[in-house]
PDB file of N, CA and C in Angstrom:
ATOM      1  N   MET A   1       0.739  -1.072   0.239  1.00  0.00           N
ATOM      2  CA  MET A   1       0.377   0.049  -0.122  1.00  0.00           C
ATOM      3  C   MET A   1       0.754   1.224  -0.209  1.00  0.00           C
ATOM      4  N   PRO A   2       0.500   2.202  -0.882  1.00  0.00           N
ATOM      5  CA  PRO A   2       1.241   3.633  -0.679  1.00  0.00           C
ATOM      6  C   PRO A   2       1.257   4.153   0.745  1.00  0.00           C
ATOM      7  N   LEU A   3       0.479   3.979   1.471  1.00  0.00           N
ATOM      8  CA  LEU A   3       0.547   4.686   2.494  1.00  0.00           C
ATOM      9  C   LEU A   3       1.884   4.112   3.412  1.00  0.00           C
ATOM     10  N   PHE A   4       1.989   2.886   3.415  1.00  0.00           N
ATOM     11  CA  PHE A   4       3.166   2.204   4.053  1.00  0.00           C
ATOM     12  C   PHE A   4       4.298   2.448   3.534  1.00  0.00           C
ATOM     13  N   ARG A   5       4.196   2.495   2.126  1.00  0.00           N
ATOM     14  CA  ARG A   5       5.306   2.918   1.359  1.00  0.00           C
ATOM     15  C   ARG A   5       5.723   4.297   1.733  1.00  0.00           C
ATOM     16  N   ASN A   6       5.045   5.482   1.816  1.00  0.00           N
ATOM     17  CA  ASN A   6       5.192   6.767   1.941  1.00  0.00           C
ATOM     18  C   ASN A   6       5.467   6.880   3.310  1.00  0.00           C
ATOM     19  N   ALA A   7       5.292   5.973   4.626  1.00  0.00           N
ATOM     20  CA  ALA A   7       5.669   6.727   5.848  1.00  0.00           C
ATOM     21  C   ALA A   7       7.163   6.001   6.059  1.00  0.00           C
ATOM     22  N   LYS A   8       7.708   5.414   5.142  1.00  0.00           N
ATOM     23  CA  LYS A   8       9.231   4.863   5.140  1.00  0.00           C
ATOM     24  C   LYS A   8      10.295   5.930   4.344  1.00  0.00           C
ATOM     25  N   LEU A   9       9.745   6.785   3.416  1.00  0.00           N
ATOM     26  CA  LEU A   9      10.399   7.497   3.107  1.00  0.00           C
ATOM     27  C   LEU A   9      10.932   8.798   3.525  1.00  0.00           C
ATOM     28  N   ARG A  10      12.012   9.162   2.954  1.00  0.00           N
ATOM     29  CA  ARG A  10      12.808  10.469   4.108  1.00  0.00           C
ATOM     30  C   ARG A  10      13.037  11.555   2.782  1.00  0.00           C
ATOM     31  N   PRO A  11      12.569  12.945   3.305  1.00  0.00           N
ATOM     32  CA  PRO A  11      13.023  13.359   2.326  1.00  0.00           C
ATOM     33  C   PRO A  11      14.534  14.012   1.682  1.00  0.00           C
ATOM     34  N   LYS A  12      14.753  14.116   0.304  1.00  0.00           N
ATOM     35  CA  LYS A  12      16.112  14.573  -0.088  1.00  0.00           C
ATOM     36  C   LYS A  12      16.353  15.657   0.226  1.00  0.00           C
ATOM     37  N   SER A  13      15.686  16.639   0.411  1.00  0.00           N
ATOM     38  CA  SER A  13      15.941  18.250   0.700  1.00  0.00           C
ATOM     39  C   SER A  13      15.962  18.415   2.359  1.00  0.00           C
ATOM     40  N   THR A  14      17.004  19.044   2.752  1.00  0.00           N
ATOM     41  CA  THR A  14      16.953  19.376   3.869  1.00  0.00           C
ATOM     42  C   THR A  14      16.853  21.198   4.052  1.00  0.00           C
ATOM     43  N   LEU A  15      17.046  21.557   4.812  1.00  0.00           N
ATOM     44  CA  LEU A  15      17.344  23.031   5.375  1.00  0.00           C
ATOM     45  C   LEU A  15      18.306  23.583   4.900  1.00  0.00           C
ATOM     46  N   GLN A  16      19.793  22.684   4.805  1.00  0.00           N
ATOM     47  CA  GLN A  16      20.980  23.352   4.141  1.00  0.00           C
ATOM     48  C   GLN A  16      20.936  23.508   2.607  1.00  0.00           C
ATOM     49  N   SER A  17      20.067  22.077   1.943  1.00  0.00           N
ATOM     50  CA  SER A  17      19.943  21.936   0.606  1.00  0.00           C
ATOM     51  C   SER A  17      18.965  23.343   0.247  1.00  0.00           C
ATOM     52  N   ALA A  18      18.312  23.640   0.748  1.00  0.00           N
ATOM     53  CA  ALA A  18      16.840  25.051   0.426  1.00  0.00           C
ATOM     54  C   ALA A  18      17.598  26.082   0.283  1.00  0.00           C
ATOM     55  N   PHE A  19      18.937  26.334   1.340  1.00  0.00           N
ATOM     56  CA  PHE A  19      19.789  27.556   1.086  1.00  0.00           C
ATOM     57  C   PHE A  19      20.810  27.583   0.211  1.00  0.00           C
ATOM     58  N   GLY A  20      21.144  26.241   0.180  1.00  0.00           N
ATOM     59  CA  GLY A  20      22.303  25.963  -0.841  1.00  0.00           C
ATOM     60  C   GLY A  20      23.554  25.866  -0.172  1.00  0.00           C
ATOM     61  N   PHE A  21      23.606  25.612   1.141  1.00  0.00           N
ATOM     62  CA  PHE A  21      24.807  25.637   1.603  1.00  0.00           C
ATOM     63  C   PHE A  21      25.130  23.516   1.893  1.00  0.00           C
ATOM     64  N   ARG A  22      26.172  23.355   1.478  1.00  0.00           N
ATOM     65  CA  ARG A  22      26.853  22.214   1.377  1.00  0.00           C
ATOM     66  C   ARG A  22      27.281  21.377   2.456  1.00  0.00           C
ATOM     67  N   HIS A  23      27.881  22.469   3.318  1.00  0.00           N
ATOM     68  CA  HIS A  23      28.259  22.030   4.672  1.00  0.00           C
ATOM     69  C   HIS A  23      27.870  22.807   5.871  1.00  0.00           C
ATOM     70  N   GLY A  24      27.931  22.215   7.197  1.00  0.00           N
ATOM     71  CA  GLY A  24      27.537  23.096   8.456  1.00  0.00           C
ATOM     72  C   GLY A  24      25.975  22.390   8.785  1.00  0.00           C
ATOM     73  N   LYS A  25      25.793  23.239   9.520  1.00  0.00           N
ATOM     74  CA  LYS A  25      24.235  22.624  10.345  1.00  0.00           C
ATOM     75  C   LYS A  25      23.582  24.144  10.108  1.00  0.00           C
ATOM     76  N   THR A  26      22.547  24.049   9.851  1.00  0.00           N
ATOM     77  CA  THR A  26      21.450  25.642   9.806  1.00  0.00           C
ATOM     78  C   THR A  26      20.387  25.220  10.376  1.00  0.00           C
ATOM     79  N   GLN A  27      20.166  26.238  11.304  1.00  0.00           N
ATOM     80  CA  GLN A  27      18.963  26.314  12.275  1.00  0.00           C
ATOM     81  C   GLN A  27      18.038  27.524  12.183  1.00  0.00           C
ATOM     82  N   GLN A  28      16.780  27.143  11.895  1.00  0.00           N
ATOM     83  CA  GLN A  28      16.004  28.392  11.662  1.00  0.00           C
ATOM     84  C   GLN A  28      15.509  28.734  13.133  1.00  0.00           C
ATOM     85  N   LYS A  29      15.623  29.972  13.670  1.00  0.00           N
ATOM     86  CA  LYS A  29      15.255  30.682  14.765  1.00  0.00           C
ATOM     87  C   LYS A  29      14.301  30.933  15.186  1.00  0.00           C
ATOM     88  N   SER A  30      13.500  31.732  14.078  1.00  0.00           N
ATOM     89  CA  SER A  30      12.290  32.487  14.237  1.00  0.00           C
ATOM     90  C   SER A  30      12.042  32.238  12.913  1.00  0.00           C
ATOM     91  N   GLN A  31      10.335  32.679  12.728  1.00  0.00           N
ATOM     92  CA  GLN A  31       9.660  32.726  11.494  1.00  0.00           C
ATOM     93  C   GLN A  31       9.809  34.007  10.526  1.00  0.00           C
ATOM     94  N   GLY A  32      10.362  34.760  11.485  1.00  0.00           N
ATOM     95  CA  GLY A  32      10.624  36.263  10.542  1.00  0.00           C
ATOM     96  C   GLY A  32       9.923  37.427  11.454  1.00  0.00           C
ATOM     97  N   PHE A  33      10.176  38.671  10.915  1.00  0.00           N
ATOM     98  CA  PHE A  33       9.636  39.490  12.220  1.00  0.00           C
ATOM     99  C   PHE A  33       8.140  39.881  11.983  1.00  0.00           C
ATOM    100  N   MET A  34       7.366  39.378  10.945  1.00  0.00           N
ATOM    101  CA  MET A  34       5.789  39.463  10.968  1.00  0.00           C
ATOM    102  C   MET A  34       5.327  38.122  11.361  1.00  0.00           C
ATOM    103  N   GLY A  35       5.990  37.449  11.992  1.00  0.00           N
ATOM    104  CA  GLY A  35       5.714  36.000  12.579  1.00  0.00           C
ATOM    105  C   GLY A  35       4.807  35.098  12.033  1.00  0.00           C
ATOM    106  N   GLY A  36       3.915  34.974  11.414  1.00  0.00           N
ATOM    107  CA  GLY A  36       2.936  34.228  10.434  1.00  0.00           C
ATOM    108  C   GLY A  36       3.295  34.373   8.698  1.00  0.00           C
ATOM    109  N   SER A  37       3.143  33.585   7.792  1.00  0.00           N
ATOM    110  CA  SER A  37       3.215  33.706   6.597  1.00  0.00           C
ATOM    111  C   SER A  37       2.202  32.674   5.877  1.00  0.00           C
ATOM    112  N   PHE A  38       1.937  32.926   4.520  1.00  0.00           N
ATOM    113  CA  PHE A  38       1.264  32.339   3.822  1.00  0.00           C
ATOM    114  C   PHE A  38       1.030  30.640   3.881  1.00  0.00           C
ATOM    115  N   ASN A  39       2.098  30.328   4.082  1.00  0.00           N
ATOM    116  CA  ASN A  39       2.460  28.683   4.416  1.00  0.00           C
ATOM    117  C   ASN A  39       2.397  28.227   5.727  1.00  0.00           C
ATOM    118  N   THR A  40       2.480  29.139   6.530  1.00  0.00           N
ATOM    119  CA  THR A  40       1.961  28.866   7.974  1.00  0.00           C
ATOM    120  C   THR A  40       0.530  28.919   8.291  1.00  0.00           C
ATOM    121  N   ARG A  41      -0.272  29.498   7.659  1.00  0.00           N
ATOM    122  CA  ARG A  41      -1.582  29.713   8.033  1.00  0.00           C
ATOM    123  C   ARG A  41      -2.299  28.920   6.842  1.00  0.00           C
ATOM    124  N   ASP A  42      -1.988  28.522   5.550  1.00  0.00           N
ATOM    125  CA  ASP A  42      -2.819  27.797   4.397  1.00  0.00           C
ATOM    126  C   ASP A  42      -2.235  26.559   4.403  1.00  0.00           C
ATOM    127  N   PHE A  43      -1.288  25.801   4.889  1.00  0.00           N
ATOM    128  CA  PHE A  43      -0.757  24.668   4.932  1.00  0.00           C
ATOM    129  C   PHE A  43      -0.646  23.905   6.354  1.00  0.00           C
ATOM    130  N   PHE A  44      -0.926  24.589   7.394  1.00  0.00           N
ATOM    131  CA  PHE A  44      -0.518  23.919   8.553  1.00  0.00           C
ATOM    132  C   PHE A  44      -1.596  23.415   9.169  1.00  0.00           C
ATOM    133  N   HIS A  45      -1.954  22.549   9.668  1.00  0.00           N
ATOM    134  CA  HIS A  45      -3.341  21.704   9.810  1.00  0.00           C
ATOM    135  C   HIS A  45      -3.595  21.751  11.614  1.00  0.00           C
ATOM    136  N   GLY A  46      -2.680  21.807  12.414  1.00  0.00           N
ATOM    137  CA  GLY A  46      -3.074  22.086  13.582  1.00  0.00           C
ATOM    138  C   GLY A  46      -3.667  20.723  14.197  1.00  0.00           C
ATOM    139  N   MET A  47      -3.378  19.534  13.379  1.00  0.00           N
ATOM    140  CA  MET A  47      -4.055  18.329  13.990  1.00  0.00           C
ATOM    141  C   MET A  47      -2.502  17.632  14.940  1.00  0.00           C
ATOM    142  N   SER A  48      -3.004  16.410  15.745  1.00  0.00           N
ATOM    143  CA  SER A  48      -2.121  16.257  16.400  1.00  0.00           C
ATOM    144  C   SER A  48      -1.617  14.866  15.449  1.00  0.00           C
ATOM    145  N   THR A  49      -0.680  14.190  15.956  1.00  0.00           N
ATOM    146  CA  THR A  49      -0.200  12.857  15.097  1.00  0.00           C
ATOM    147  C   THR A  49      -0.750  11.834  15.377  1.00  0.00           C
ATOM    148  N   MET A  50      -1.405  11.519  16.412  1.00  0.00           N
ATOM    149  CA  MET A  50      -2.523  10.376  16.857  1.00  0.00           C
ATOM    150  C   MET A  50      -3.675  10.575  15.488  1.00  0.00           C
ATOM    151  N   PHE A  51      -4.039  11.807  15.394  1.00  0.00           N
ATOM    152  CA  PHE A  51      -5.422  11.930  14.595  1.00  0.00           C
ATOM    153  C   PHE A  51      -4.674  11.514  13.268  1.00  0.00           C
ATOM    154  N   PHE A  52      -3.667  11.889  12.698  1.00  0.00           N
ATOM    155  CA  PHE A  52      -3.241  11.033  11.383  1.00  0.00           C
ATOM    156  C   PHE A  52      -2.834   9.675  11.704  1.00  0.00           C
ATOM    157  N   LYS A  53      -2.486   9.308  12.417  1.00  0.00           N
ATOM    158  CA  LYS A  53      -2.479   7.739  12.749  1.00  0.00           C
ATOM    159  C   LYS A  53      -3.767   6.785  12.466  1.00  0.00           C
ATOM    160  N   SER A  54      -4.531   7.546  12.938  1.00  0.00           N
ATOM    161  CA  SER A  54      -6.005   7.293  13.069  1.00  0.00           C
ATOM    162  C   SER A  54      -6.873   6.819  11.494  1.00  0.00           C
ATOM    163  N   ILE A  55      -6.619   8.187  10.954  1.00  0.00           N
ATOM    164  CA  ILE A  55      -6.801   8.478   9.601  1.00  0.00           C
ATOM    165  C   ILE A  55      -6.121   7.756   8.523  1.00  0.00           C
ATOM    166  N   LYS A  56      -4.653   7.449   9.033  1.00  0.00           N
ATOM    167  CA  LYS A  56      -4.242   6.355   7.885  1.00  0.00           C
ATOM    168  C   LYS A  56      -4.977   5.262   8.314  1.00  0.00           C
ATOM    169  N   TRP A  57      -4.891   4.695   9.374  1.00  0.00           N
ATOM    170  CA  TRP A  57      -5.590   3.383   9.153  1.00  0.00           C
ATOM    171  C   TRP A  57      -7.259   2.874   8.974  1.00  0.00           C
ATOM    172  N   ILE A  58      -8.131   4.518   9.103  1.00  0.00           N
ATOM    173  CA  ILE A  58      -9.382   4.149   8.738  1.00  0.00           C
ATOM    174  C   ILE A  58      -9.270   4.006   7.066  1.00  0.00           C
ATOM    175  N   ASN A  59      -8.280   5.095   6.548  1.00  0.00           N
ATOM    176  CA  ASN A  59      -8.138   4.846   5.116  1.00  0.00           C
ATOM    177  C   ASN A  59      -8.001   3.803   4.690  1.00  0.00           C
ATOM    178  N   ALA A  60      -6.882   3.055   5.256  1.00  0.00           N
ATOM    179  CA  ALA A  60      -6.383   1.143   4.954  1.00  0.00           C
ATOM    180  C   ALA A  60      -7.861   0.666   4.918  1.00  0.00           C
ATOM    181  N   GLY A  61      -8.011   0.645   5.729  1.00  0.00           N
ATOM    182  CA  GLY A  61      -9.476  -0.326   5.929  1.00  0.00           C
ATOM    183  C   GLY A  61     -10.365  -0.072   5.283  1.00  0.00           C
ATOM    184  N   ILE A  62     -10.654   1.318   4.571  1.00  0.00           N
ATOM    185  CA  ILE A  62     -11.758   1.570   3.612  1.00  0.00           C
ATOM    186  C   ILE A  62     -10.970   1.115   2.469  1.00  0.00           C
ATOM    187  N   TYR A  63      -9.925   1.341   1.865  1.00  0.00           N
ATOM    188  CA  TYR A  63      -9.506   1.014   0.737  1.00  0.00           C
ATOM    189  C   TYR A  63      -9.532  -0.450   0.510  1.00  0.00           C
ATOM    190  N   TYR A  64      -9.372  -1.315   1.604  1.00  0.00           N
ATOM    191  CA  TYR A  64      -9.201  -2.644   1.827  1.00  0.00           C
ATOM    192  C   TYR A  64     -10.612  -3.243   1.266  1.00  0.00           C
ATOM    193  N   PHE A  65     -11.578  -2.453   2.198  1.00  0.00           N
ATOM    194  CA  PHE A  65     -13.121  -3.284   2.156  1.00  0.00           C
ATOM    195  C   PHE A  65     -13.665  -2.782   0.592  1.00  0.00           C
ATOM    196  N   VAL A  66     -13.350  -1.554   0.277  1.00  0.00           N
ATOM    197  CA  VAL A  66     -13.880  -1.170  -1.062  1.00  0.00           C
ATOM    198  C   VAL A  66     -13.387  -1.874  -2.035  1.00  0.00           C
ATOM    199  N   GLY A  67     -12.063  -2.412  -1.976  1.00  0.00           N
ATOM    200  CA  GLY A  67     -11.070  -2.455  -2.980  1.00  0.00           C
ATOM    201  C   GLY A  67     -11.282  -4.544  -3.416  1.00  0.00           C
ATOM    202  N   ASN A  68     -11.842  -4.725  -1.928  1.00  0.00           N
ATOM    203  CA  ASN A  68     -12.417  -6.374  -2.291  1.00  0.00           C
ATOM    204  C   ASN A  68     -13.808  -6.348  -2.837  1.00  0.00           C
ATOM    205  N   CYS A  69     -14.489  -5.408  -2.391  1.00  0.00           N
ATOM    206  CA  CYS A  69     -16.245  -5.558  -2.683  1.00  0.00           C
ATOM    207  C   CYS A  69     -16.236  -5.347  -4.533  1.00  0.00           C
ATOM    208  N   VAL A  70     -15.413  -4.342  -4.987  1.00  0.00           N
ATOM    209  CA  VAL A  70     -15.081  -3.985  -6.452  1.00  0.00           C
ATOM    210  C   VAL A  70     -14.774  -5.419  -7.086  1.00  0.00           C
ATOM    211  N   CYS A  71     -13.504  -5.856  -6.395  1.00  0.00           N
ATOM    212  CA  CYS A  71     -12.904  -7.119  -7.149  1.00  0.00           C
ATOM    213  C   CYS A  71     -14.107  -8.023  -7.006  1.00  0.00           C
ATOM    214  N   CYS A  72     -14.757  -8.413  -5.879  1.00  0.00           N
ATOM    215  CA  CYS A  72     -15.686  -9.508  -6.045  1.00  0.00           C
ATOM    216  C   CYS A  72     -16.811  -9.117  -7.248  1.00  0.00           C
ATOM    217  N   ALA A  73     -16.982  -8.045  -7.016  1.00  0.00           N
ATOM    218  CA  ALA A  73     -18.403  -7.516  -8.192  1.00  0.00           C
ATOM    219  C   ALA A  73     -17.737  -8.019  -9.467  1.00  0.00           C
ATOM    220  N   ILE A  74     -16.680  -7.348  -9.830  1.00  0.00           N
ATOM    221  CA  ILE A  74     -16.220  -7.410 -11.488  1.00  0.00           C
ATOM    222  C   ILE A  74     -16.038  -9.354 -11.203  1.00  0.00           C
ATOM    223  N   CYS A  75     -15.523  -9.858 -10.583  1.00  0.00           N
ATOM    224  CA  CYS A  75     -15.365 -11.410 -10.803  1.00  0.00           C
ATOM    225  C   CYS A  75     -17.163 -12.180 -11.025  1.00  0.00           C
ATOM    226  N   HIS A  76     -17.710 -11.635 -10.260  1.00  0.00           N
ATOM    227  CA  HIS A  76     -18.944 -12.355 -10.489  1.00  0.00           C
ATOM    228  C   HIS A  76     -19.681 -11.694 -11.907  1.00  0.00           C
ATOM    229  N   VAL A  77     -19.567 -10.469 -12.346  1.00  0.00           N
ATOM    230  CA  VAL A  77     -19.651  -9.997 -13.654  1.00  0.00           C
ATOM    231  C   VAL A  77     -19.427 -10.938 -14.382  1.00  0.00           C
ATOM    232  N   GLY A  78     -17.958 -11.253 -14.427  1.00  0.00           N
ATOM    233  CA  GLY A  78     -17.089 -12.020 -15.485  1.00  0.00           C
ATOM    234  C   GLY A  78     -17.492 -13.421 -15.473  1.00  0.00           C
ATOM    235  N   LEU A  79     -17.929 -14.132 -14.224  1.00  0.00           N
ATOM    236  CA  LEU A  79     -18.522 -15.572 -13.969  1.00  0.00           C
ATOM    237  C   LEU A  79     -19.860 -15.626 -14.935  1.00  0.00           C
ATOM    238  N   ILE A  80     -20.674 -14.580 -14.588  1.00  0.00           N
ATOM    239  CA  ILE A  80     -22.009 -14.721 -15.116  1.00  0.00           C
ATOM    240  C   ILE A  80     -21.905 -14.428 -16.510  1.00  0.00           C
ATOM    241  N   ALA A  81     -20.987 -13.589 -17.188  1.00  0.00           N
ATOM    242  CA  ALA A  81     -20.845 -13.761 -18.915  1.00  0.00           C
ATOM    243  C   ALA A  81     -19.991 -14.844 -19.094  1.00  0.00           C
ATOM    244  N   GLU A  82     -19.066 -15.351 -18.584  1.00  0.00           N
ATOM    245  CA  GLU A  82     -18.776 -16.874 -19.011  1.00  0.00           C
ATOM    246  C   GLU A  82     -19.752 -17.586 -19.082  1.00  0.00           C
ATOM    247  N   ARG A  83     -20.552 -17.948 -18.003  1.00  0.00           N
ATOM    248  CA  ARG A  83     -21.538 -19.004 -18.242  1.00  0.00           C
ATOM    249  C   ARG A  83     -22.617 -18.552 -18.959  1.00  0.00           C
ATOM    250  N   TRP A  84     -22.727 -17.660 -19.434  1.00  0.00           N
ATOM    251  CA  TRP A  84     -23.996 -17.068 -20.295  1.00  0.00           C
ATOM    252  C   TRP A  84     -23.519 -17.617 -21.929  1.00  0.00           C
ATOM    253  N   PHE A  85     -22.047 -17.133 -21.987  1.00  0.00           N
ATOM    254  CA  PHE A  85     -21.368 -17.404 -22.981  1.00  0.00           C
ATOM    255  C   PHE A  85     -21.481 -18.899 -23.410  1.00  0.00           C
ATOM    256  N   PHE A  86     -21.039 -19.563 -22.474  1.00  0.00           N
ATOM    257  CA  PHE A  86     -20.643 -20.940 -22.370  1.00  0.00           C
ATOM    258  C   PHE A  86     -22.315 -21.757 -23.040  1.00  0.00           C
ATOM    259  N   PHE A  87     -23.550 -21.275 -22.614  1.00  0.00           N
ATOM    260  CA  PHE A  87     -24.770 -21.777 -22.898  1.00  0.00           C
ATOM    261  C   PHE A  87     -25.057 -21.207 -24.255  1.00  0.00           C
ATOM    262  N   ALA A  88     -24.967 -19.699 -24.481  1.00  0.00           N
ATOM    263  CA  ALA A  88     -25.395 -19.403 -25.641  1.00  0.00           C
ATOM    264  C   ALA A  88     -24.669 -20.073 -26.931  1.00  0.00           C
ATOM    265  N   GLN A  89     -23.131 -20.146 -26.815  1.00  0.00           N
ATOM    266  CA  GLN A  89     -22.543 -21.124 -27.847  1.00  0.00           C
ATOM    267  C   GLN A  89     -23.060 -22.589 -27.981  1.00  0.00           C
ATOM    268  N   VAL A  90     -23.882 -22.924 -26.917  1.00  0.00           N
ATOM    269  CA  VAL A  90     -24.561 -24.373 -27.272  1.00  0.00           C
ATOM    270  C   VAL A  90     -23.286 -25.454 -27.503  1.00  0.00           C
ATOM    271  N   ASN A  91     -22.201 -25.474 -26.872  1.00  0.00           N
ATOM    272  CA  ASN A  91     -21.054 -26.317 -27.406  1.00  0.00           C
ATOM    273  C   ASN A  91     -20.857 -27.056 -26.167  1.00  0.00           C
ATOM    274  N   HIS A  92     -21.572 -27.650 -25.117  1.00  0.00           N
ATOM    275  CA  HIS A  92     -21.565 -28.453 -24.227  1.00  0.00           C
ATOM    276  C   HIS A  92     -21.649 -29.758 -24.600  1.00  0.00           C
ATOM    277  N   PRO A  93     -21.452 -30.736 -23.863  1.00  0.00           N
ATOM    278  CA  PRO A  93     -21.242 -32.150 -23.652  1.00  0.00           C
ATOM    279  C   PRO A  93     -22.870 -32.397 -23.849  1.00  0.00           C
ATOM    280  N   GLN A  94     -24.111 -32.040 -23.551  1.00  0.00           N
ATOM    281  CA  GLN A  94     -25.261 -32.355 -23.961  1.00  0.00           C
ATOM    282  C   GLN A  94     -25.646 -32.569 -25.469  1.00  0.00           C
ATOM    283  N   ASN A  95     -24.965 -31.416 -26.238  1.00  0.00           N
ATOM    284  CA  ASN A  95     -25.040 -31.562 -27.556  1.00  0.00           C
ATOM    285  C   ASN A  95     -24.504 -32.596 -28.236  1.00  0.00           C
ATOM    286  N   LEU A  96     -23.266 -33.035 -27.572  1.00  0.00           N
ATOM    287  CA  LEU A  96     -22.394 -34.031 -28.039  1.00  0.00           C
ATOM    288  C   LEU A  96     -23.404 -35.492 -27.932  1.00  0.00           C
ATOM    289  N   TYR A  97     -23.535 -35.628 -26.892  1.00  0.00           N
ATOM    290  CA  TYR A  97     -24.381 -36.795 -26.579  1.00  0.00           C
ATOM    291  C   TYR A  97     -25.687 -36.874 -27.299  1.00  0.00           C
ATOM    292  N   TYR A  98     -26.465 -35.712 -27.353  1.00  0.00           N
ATOM    293  CA  TYR A  98     -27.738 -36.126 -28.433  1.00  0.00           C
ATOM    294  C   TYR A  98     -27.487 -35.860 -29.776  1.00  0.00           C
ATOM    295  N   GLN A  99     -26.189 -35.533 -30.439  1.00  0.00           N
ATOM    296  CA  GLN A  99     -25.650 -35.253 -31.738  1.00  0.00           C
ATOM    297  C   GLN A  99     -26.831 -34.107 -32.381  1.00  0.00           C
ATOM    298  N   THR A 100     -26.909 -33.172 -31.722  1.00  0.00           N
ATOM    299  CA  THR A 100     -27.351 -32.014 -32.131  1.00  0.00           C
ATOM    300  C   THR A 100     -26.204 -31.038 -33.020  1.00  0.00           C
ATOM    301  N   ILE A 101     -26.967 -30.897 -34.335  1.00  0.00           N
ATOM    302  CA  ILE A 101     -26.395 -30.018 -35.371  1.00  0.00           C
ATOM    303  C   ILE A 101     -27.093 -28.856 -35.387  1.00  0.00           C
ATOM    304  N   LEU A 102     -26.158 -27.514 -35.245  1.00  0.00           N
ATOM    305  CA  LEU A 102     -26.499 -25.905 -35.224  1.00  0.00           C
ATOM    306  C   LEU A 102     -26.224 -25.569 -36.332  1.00  0.00           C
TER     307      LEU A 102
END
């Protein structure tokens, strides 16, 4: 599942690479003299880590359930179509026994 794969990914960019520094340690001390910015207001969610862990598992459960339902429905439609074609083709052993010519 992508959720579990994405949890193991680590970003290649760092604070140093954002500024173009190759060596040393860069540390952000403040958000600037205005305090907030568009990014902190628009992209910060304010939710706890526990909330996101629960949402992840709820989504995984829904994907699993819906995926199984869709797969079962497609499988059943395919089986019904196959059986219909088998009898519509009239090529089954009963016709060989009775020597029916179509």
